[in-house]
Amino acid sequence: MNPLSELGKSLLIFGIIFIIIGIILIFSNKIPGFFNLGRLPGDIYYKKGNFTFYFPIVTSIIISVILTLILNIFFRK
């Protein structure tokens, strides 16, 4: 198969995934408690005076696992 055809299919799939993620992000504020990524227990938040440190470790792990599963489904040989 033509390599450009494969590239086109991949770009189309990624575009559809980005559209779905965008729709979820737009409507997630309408449902309370539905989308708490970024404010999960285990995310590190430290505030003292004018200094604030935020490290979303649990959120990063969850996003990594979800993306790994999705990419393994699409690019399995």
Foldseek 3Di string as FASTA:
>chain_A
DDPVVVVVVVVVVVVVVVVVVVVCVVCVVVDPPRDCQQPDPPWDWDDDDPDIDTGRPVSVVVVVVVVVVVVCVVPPD
